[in-house]
Protein backbone atom coordinates (compact mmCIF):
# COMPACT_ATOMS: atom_id res chain seq x y z
CA MET A 1 57.20 136.69 43.24
CA LEU A 2 57.53 132.92 42.75
CA ALA A 3 58.98 132.12 39.35
CA THR A 4 57.67 128.60 38.79
CA PHE A 5 54.32 126.91 39.35
CA ASN A 6 54.06 123.67 41.34
CA SER A 7 50.55 122.22 41.37
CA THR A 8 51.43 119.68 44.09
CA LEU A 9 51.98 122.39 46.72
CA ALA A 10 49.31 123.94 48.92
CA ILE A 11 51.70 126.51 50.43
CA GLU A 12 54.84 127.83 48.78
CA THR A 13 56.96 130.71 49.99
CA SER A 14 60.13 132.08 48.46
CA GLY A 15 62.47 134.38 50.37
CA LEU A 16 59.60 135.45 52.63
CA THR A 17 60.89 138.23 54.88
CA LYS A 18 59.28 140.56 57.40
CA ARG A 19 61.10 143.36 59.19
CA TYR A 20 59.88 145.64 61.97
CA GLY A 21 62.44 148.42 61.82
CA ALA A 22 65.77 146.84 62.70
CA ARG A 23 64.17 143.62 63.97
CA LEU A 24 63.98 140.72 61.54
CA ALA A 25 60.85 138.70 62.42
CA VAL A 26 60.86 136.35 59.41
CA ASP A 27 64.16 135.79 57.62
CA ASN A 28 64.20 134.65 53.98
CA LEU A 29 61.77 131.77 54.63
CA ASP A 30 61.32 129.09 51.95
CA LEU A 31 58.47 126.65 52.63
CA ALA A 32 56.89 123.97 50.45
CA VAL A 33 53.81 122.29 51.94
CA ARG A 34 52.31 119.49 49.87
CA GLN A 35 48.66 119.06 49.03
CA GLY A 36 46.81 116.86 51.52
CA GLU A 37 49.47 116.65 54.22
CA ILE A 38 49.38 117.70 57.86
CA PHE A 39 52.35 120.00 58.28
CA GLY A 40 53.62 121.11 61.70
CA PHE A 41 55.24 124.52 62.10
CA LEU A 42 57.34 124.62 65.27
CA GLY A 43 59.58 127.08 67.03
CA PRO A 44 60.28 128.72 70.41
CA ASN A 45 58.26 131.72 71.55
CA GLY A 46 59.22 134.73 69.47
CA SER A 47 60.56 132.63 66.59
CA GLY A 48 58.24 134.18 64.00
CA LYS A 49 55.56 131.48 63.78
CA THR A 50 52.51 133.71 64.18
CA THR A 51 54.06 136.41 62.01
CA THR A 52 54.57 133.81 59.28
CA ILE A 53 50.96 132.68 59.57
CA ARG A 54 49.76 136.28 59.29
CA LEU A 55 51.89 136.68 56.17
CA LEU A 56 50.41 133.50 54.67
CA LEU A 57 46.90 134.85 55.24
CA GLY A 58 47.63 138.31 53.88
CA LEU A 59 47.09 139.91 57.29
CA LEU A 60 50.58 141.41 57.10
CA ARG A 61 52.48 142.73 54.13
CA ALA A 62 55.86 141.08 53.57
CA THR A 63 58.97 143.21 53.40
CA SER A 64 60.12 140.98 50.55
CA GLY A 65 59.48 137.53 49.11
CA GLY A 66 56.34 135.82 47.85
CA VAL A 67 53.49 133.55 48.97
CA ARG A 68 51.52 131.14 46.82
CA LEU A 69 48.48 129.25 48.16
CA ASN A 70 46.98 126.36 46.22
CA GLY A 71 49.01 127.36 43.21
CA ARG A 72 47.97 131.03 43.09
CA GLU A 73 49.98 134.11 43.96
CA LEU A 74 48.49 135.62 47.10
CA ALA A 75 49.50 139.15 46.13
CA GLU A 76 47.75 138.88 42.76
CA ALA A 77 44.66 136.82 43.55
CA ARG A 78 43.65 137.44 47.18
CA ARG A 79 39.91 137.41 46.44
CA THR A 80 40.21 134.06 44.67
CA VAL A 81 42.72 132.43 47.00
CA LEU A 82 41.57 133.36 50.52
CA PRO A 83 37.97 132.01 50.28
CA GLN A 84 39.57 128.57 49.86
CA VAL A 85 41.51 128.96 53.10
CA GLY A 86 40.16 128.38 56.60
CA SER A 87 42.17 129.81 59.47
CA MET A 88 42.42 130.36 63.19
CA VAL A 89 45.13 132.73 64.41
CA GLU A 90 45.94 132.97 68.11
CA GLN A 91 42.89 133.37 70.38
CA PRO A 92 39.71 133.25 68.28
CA GLY A 93 37.47 136.30 68.69
CA PHE A 94 33.69 135.96 68.87
CA HIS A 95 30.81 137.98 70.28
CA PRO A 96 30.61 136.96 73.96
CA TYR A 97 26.84 137.35 74.30
CA LEU A 98 25.94 135.38 71.19
CA SER A 99 25.74 131.61 71.23
CA GLY A 100 28.39 129.58 69.49
CA ARG A 101 25.85 128.70 66.82
CA ASP A 102 24.83 132.32 66.22
CA ASN A 103 28.48 133.38 66.05
CA LEU A 104 29.07 130.84 63.31
CA ARG A 105 25.87 131.85 61.53
CA SER A 106 27.13 135.44 61.47
CA LEU A 107 30.26 134.18 59.74
CA CYS A 108 28.13 132.17 57.34
CA ARG A 109 26.33 135.32 56.24
CA LEU A 110 29.64 137.07 55.63
CA LEU A 111 30.78 134.11 53.55
CA SER A 112 27.40 133.75 51.74
CA LEU A 113 26.92 130.29 53.20
CA PRO A 114 23.65 128.72 54.41
CA ASP A 115 23.00 128.54 58.17
CA ARG A 116 23.24 124.76 57.89
CA ALA A 117 27.01 125.14 57.42
CA ALA A 118 27.26 126.39 61.02
CA ASP A 119 25.47 123.31 62.35
CA LEU A 120 27.74 121.00 60.35
CA ALA A 121 30.85 122.73 61.70
CA LEU A 122 29.55 122.42 65.27
CA GLU A 123 28.98 118.70 64.74
CA LYS A 124 32.46 118.17 63.31
CA THR A 125 34.11 119.84 66.30
CA GLY A 126 31.93 118.20 68.96
CA LEU A 127 30.23 121.44 69.98
CA ALA A 128 26.71 120.67 68.80
CA PRO A 129 25.40 119.94 72.34
CA ARG A 130 26.62 123.38 73.51
CA GLY A 131 25.95 125.27 70.30
CA ARG A 132 23.07 127.29 71.78
CA ASP A 133 25.06 128.38 74.86
CA ARG A 134 26.57 131.85 75.00
CA TYR A 135 30.20 132.11 73.96
CA ALA A 136 30.99 133.86 77.26
CA THR A 137 30.19 130.61 79.12
CA TYR A 138 32.62 128.52 77.06
CA SER A 139 35.83 127.13 78.53
CA LEU A 140 39.15 127.86 76.81
CA GLY A 141 39.02 124.48 75.09
CA MET A 142 35.47 125.10 73.83
CA LYS A 143 36.51 128.51 72.49
CA GLN A 144 39.32 126.80 70.59
CA ARG A 145 36.85 124.28 69.15
CA LEU A 146 34.61 127.10 67.99
CA GLY A 147 37.60 128.78 66.35
CA VAL A 148 38.34 125.58 64.43
CA ALA A 149 34.64 125.27 63.56
CA GLY A 150 34.81 128.76 62.07
CA ALA A 151 37.86 127.73 60.03
CA LEU A 152 35.93 124.76 58.62
CA LEU A 153 33.09 126.87 57.25
CA GLY A 154 32.85 126.66 53.47
CA SER A 155 34.84 123.40 53.18
CA PRO A 156 38.24 125.05 52.57
CA ARG A 157 41.02 123.29 50.67
CA LEU A 158 43.63 124.60 53.11
CA LEU A 159 43.46 124.97 56.90
CA ILE A 160 45.95 127.21 58.70
CA LEU A 161 45.61 126.77 62.46
CA ASP A 162 47.58 128.48 65.23
CA GLU A 163 47.58 126.36 68.42
CA PRO A 164 44.33 124.47 67.68
CA THR A 165 44.68 122.18 70.73
CA ASN A 166 45.36 124.97 73.22
CA GLY A 167 43.19 124.47 76.31
CA LEU A 168 41.81 121.09 75.25
CA ASP A 169 41.70 118.21 77.71
CA PRO A 170 43.18 114.82 76.64
CA HIS A 171 39.84 113.67 75.23
CA GLY A 172 39.47 116.88 73.28
CA ILE A 173 43.01 116.59 71.91
CA ILE A 174 42.25 113.12 70.59
CA GLU A 175 39.04 114.38 68.97
CA MET A 176 40.92 117.26 67.36
CA ARG A 177 43.58 114.85 66.12
CA ASN A 178 40.94 112.66 64.50
CA LEU A 179 39.25 115.69 62.94
CA LEU A 180 42.51 116.90 61.39
CA ARG A 181 43.23 113.42 60.06
CA GLU A 182 39.76 113.24 58.53
CA GLN A 183 40.32 116.58 56.84
CA ALA A 184 43.66 115.45 55.42
CA ALA A 185 42.16 112.15 54.25
CA SER A 186 39.56 114.13 52.28
CA GLY A 187 42.32 116.07 50.50
CA VAL A 188 42.47 119.16 52.74
CA THR A 189 45.94 120.44 53.60
CA VAL A 190 46.47 121.26 57.28
CA PHE A 191 49.18 123.70 58.35
CA LEU A 192 49.35 123.93 62.12
CA SER A 193 51.46 125.61 64.74
CA SER A 194 51.45 123.98 68.16
CA HIS A 195 53.50 123.87 71.35
CA ILE A 196 52.16 120.39 72.26
CA LEU A 197 55.01 118.57 70.56
CA SER A 198 53.90 115.09 71.59
CA GLU A 199 50.68 115.68 69.65
CA VAL A 200 52.55 117.09 66.66
CA SER A 201 54.66 113.92 66.50
CA VAL A 202 51.50 111.82 66.33
CA VAL A 203 49.39 113.81 63.88
CA CYS A 204 51.83 115.51 61.47
CA ASP A 205 53.37 114.04 58.33
CA ARG A 206 56.23 116.55 58.23
CA VAL A 207 57.41 119.36 60.45
CA ALA A 208 59.41 122.54 60.01
CA ILE A 209 61.41 124.05 62.87
CA VAL A 210 62.19 127.77 62.93
CA ARG A 211 64.26 129.92 65.25
CA SER A 212 64.59 133.72 65.14
CA GLY A 213 62.53 133.77 61.96
CA ARG A 214 64.88 131.43 60.11
CA LEU A 215 64.09 127.91 58.90
CA LEU A 216 66.34 125.34 60.58
CA LEU A 217 65.00 122.17 59.00
CA VAL A 218 62.05 120.41 57.37
CA ASP A 219 61.72 116.65 57.75
CA ARG A 220 59.32 113.74 57.98
CA VAL A 221 58.43 113.04 61.59
CA PRO A 222 59.80 109.44 61.61
CA ASP A 223 63.09 110.61 60.07
CA LEU A 224 63.33 113.47 62.54
CA LEU A 225 62.79 111.13 65.49
CA ALA A 226 65.65 108.95 64.23
CA ARG A 227 67.99 111.88 63.60
CA ASP A 228 71.27 111.54 65.51
CA ALA A 229 69.73 109.76 68.48
CA PRO A 230 72.40 109.05 71.13
CA PHE A 231 74.01 105.64 71.38
CA VAL A 232 73.48 103.71 74.61
CA ILE A 233 76.19 101.19 75.46
CA ASP A 234 75.51 98.47 78.04
CA THR A 235 78.74 97.42 79.77
CA PRO A 236 79.83 95.91 83.10
CA ASN A 237 82.34 98.75 83.53
CA PRO A 238 80.65 102.03 82.51
CA GLU A 239 83.36 104.27 84.04
CA ALA A 240 86.08 102.56 81.98
CA ALA A 241 83.87 102.81 78.89
CA GLN A 242 83.36 106.54 79.48
CA ALA A 243 87.11 107.05 79.82
CA ALA A 244 87.86 105.09 76.63
CA LEU A 245 85.24 106.95 74.62
CA THR A 246 86.32 110.33 75.98
CA THR A 247 89.78 109.59 74.61
CA ALA A 248 88.41 108.29 71.30
CA ALA A 249 85.84 111.06 70.79
CA PRO A 250 87.09 114.23 72.50
CA GLY A 251 84.61 117.06 72.75
CA ARG A 252 81.50 114.88 72.71
CA ARG A 253 79.00 114.57 75.54
CA ILE A 254 79.54 111.18 77.16
CA ARG A 255 77.79 110.36 80.42
CA VAL A 256 77.21 107.36 82.66
CA GLU A 257 73.62 106.36 83.42
CA GLY A 258 73.48 103.34 85.74
CA ASP A 259 75.11 100.38 83.96
CA SER A 260 75.12 102.20 80.62
CA VAL A 261 77.05 104.93 78.85
CA VAL A 262 75.25 107.46 76.66
CA VAL A 263 77.15 109.04 73.75
CA GLU A 264 75.89 111.99 71.71
CA SER A 265 76.13 110.68 68.19
CA PRO A 266 76.03 113.23 65.34
CA GLY A 267 77.87 111.45 62.53
CA LEU A 268 79.08 108.50 64.66
CA ARG A 269 78.88 104.87 63.61
CA GLY A 270 78.00 102.14 66.07
CA ARG A 271 80.74 99.82 64.88
CA ASP A 272 83.39 102.46 65.55
CA ILE A 273 82.15 102.88 69.13
CA VAL A 274 82.43 99.13 69.67
CA SER A 275 85.91 99.07 68.12
CA ALA A 276 87.08 101.89 70.40
CA LEU A 277 85.78 100.09 73.48
CA VAL A 278 87.34 96.78 72.48
CA ALA A 279 90.64 98.54 71.80
CA GLY A 280 90.41 100.01 75.32
CA GLY A 281 89.79 96.58 76.85
CA VAL A 282 86.17 97.33 77.77
CA ALA A 283 83.58 94.58 77.47
CA VAL A 284 80.38 95.48 75.61
CA ASP A 285 77.08 93.75 76.41
CA GLY A 286 74.93 95.75 74.01
CA LEU A 287 74.67 98.81 71.79
CA ARG A 288 71.45 100.57 70.80
CA ARG A 289 70.02 103.93 69.77
CA ALA A 290 68.11 105.87 72.41
CA GLU A 291 64.48 106.66 71.61
CA LEU A 292 64.12 110.43 71.52
CA THR A 293 60.88 112.33 71.75
CA LEU A 294 60.06 115.24 69.49
CA GLU A 295 60.41 117.50 72.54
CA GLU A 296 64.01 116.37 73.06
CA ILE A 297 64.87 116.80 69.38
CA PHE A 298 63.22 120.22 69.30
CA LEU A 299 65.28 121.38 72.29
CA ARG A 300 68.49 120.05 70.73
CA ILE A 301 67.84 121.81 67.43
CA THR A 302 66.71 125.13 68.87
CA ASP A 303 69.35 125.26 71.64
CA ASP A 304 72.35 127.39 70.66
CA ASP A 305 74.49 125.27 72.99
CA ALA A 306 73.40 121.91 71.58
CA PRO A 307 76.23 119.59 70.41
CA GLN A 308 76.97 119.93 66.71
CA PRO A 309 78.52 117.42 64.29
CA LEU A 310 82.28 117.77 63.93
CA ALA A 311 83.24 120.02 61.04
CA THR A 312 86.06 117.67 59.94
CA PRO A 313 86.67 113.98 60.69
CA PRO A 314 89.25 113.38 63.40
CA SER A 315 92.43 111.50 62.60
CA PRO A 316 92.22 107.67 62.75
CA THR A 317 94.50 107.49 65.78
CA SER A 318 95.14 109.76 68.71
CA PRO A 319 98.66 110.91 69.67
CA SER A 320 98.58 108.44 72.56
CA GLY A 321 97.87 105.54 70.26
CA GLY A 322 94.24 105.05 71.35
CA ALA A 323 91.50 104.59 68.75
CA ARG A 324 89.74 107.68 67.45
CA LEU A 325 86.14 107.51 66.28
CA SER A 326 85.44 108.37 62.66
CA THR A 327 82.39 110.41 61.75
CA GLU A 328 79.96 110.45 58.89
CA ARG A 329 77.51 113.03 57.71
CA PRO A 330 74.09 112.72 59.38
CA GLY A 331 72.11 110.00 57.68
CA GLY A 332 75.15 107.75 57.26
CA GLU A 333 75.53 104.24 58.63
CA SER A 334 74.45 103.96 62.25
CA GLY A 335 75.19 100.38 63.11
């Protein structure tokens, strides 16, 4: 159970854990999703994303830990909390021989909503022209749209969506992006899981990355994109620069790309790279940070073999007298 109340959070979990026998699917997960933000929930296949979503919706019982939605304990107030939540988990399921409109109207009756709510949801998701067609004739992208339309019924305060852009063409992805932004602008919180990381980087305010059921990080998208991006050094003698930096920063990934040298940079400062090159007699034409995509950052973070920051700063000089690069904690000076 969560001990304190935070009215600014739409989703709050504390020590959320789910075990299946000896397998730990969700491991002591602490999340805090703010009201009105679009929050991306990312992780490799099998990382516990869908299990977490099912726990948030009360579809699974947690082994331990607590969930609070819109300030209310899920375990204590399910009937009050869940009607304020719209969701789509994995592949949406509808009656194949009913039209999209009639499927939504069936949901409306379950939720004690007027039939007009179904028409509004079809309009919001761009399905109104095909609303009278049978669900069995829908493409994968249209089925996803209908699933999102179902989540929008009743004007929920919180949307929890699992792969909402799955199967959409580029035009449909843009429409879905605009829809989610409109929802957030109206005060609705959007929690989404997606494997289309380029879209997540555009639409989300913050993202969480999980692996093996454990939370690795939560950060704003712009800050995440700037996190430990490699340094790119332009030099007329890249081989000599690589040799000098290999001596100055042993154990780091340093590679030559054309007329440039790329240095993995957790904790490094740009000025120390320049100093090491000058000390090695290497001319430097330019130094800049590489522009990483969210896909590249995701792979770095979730890869067990990804380079990690040095645990302790190296000594200022190497035994051979060459310069050694100092390190800072991530977030320190980069230029």
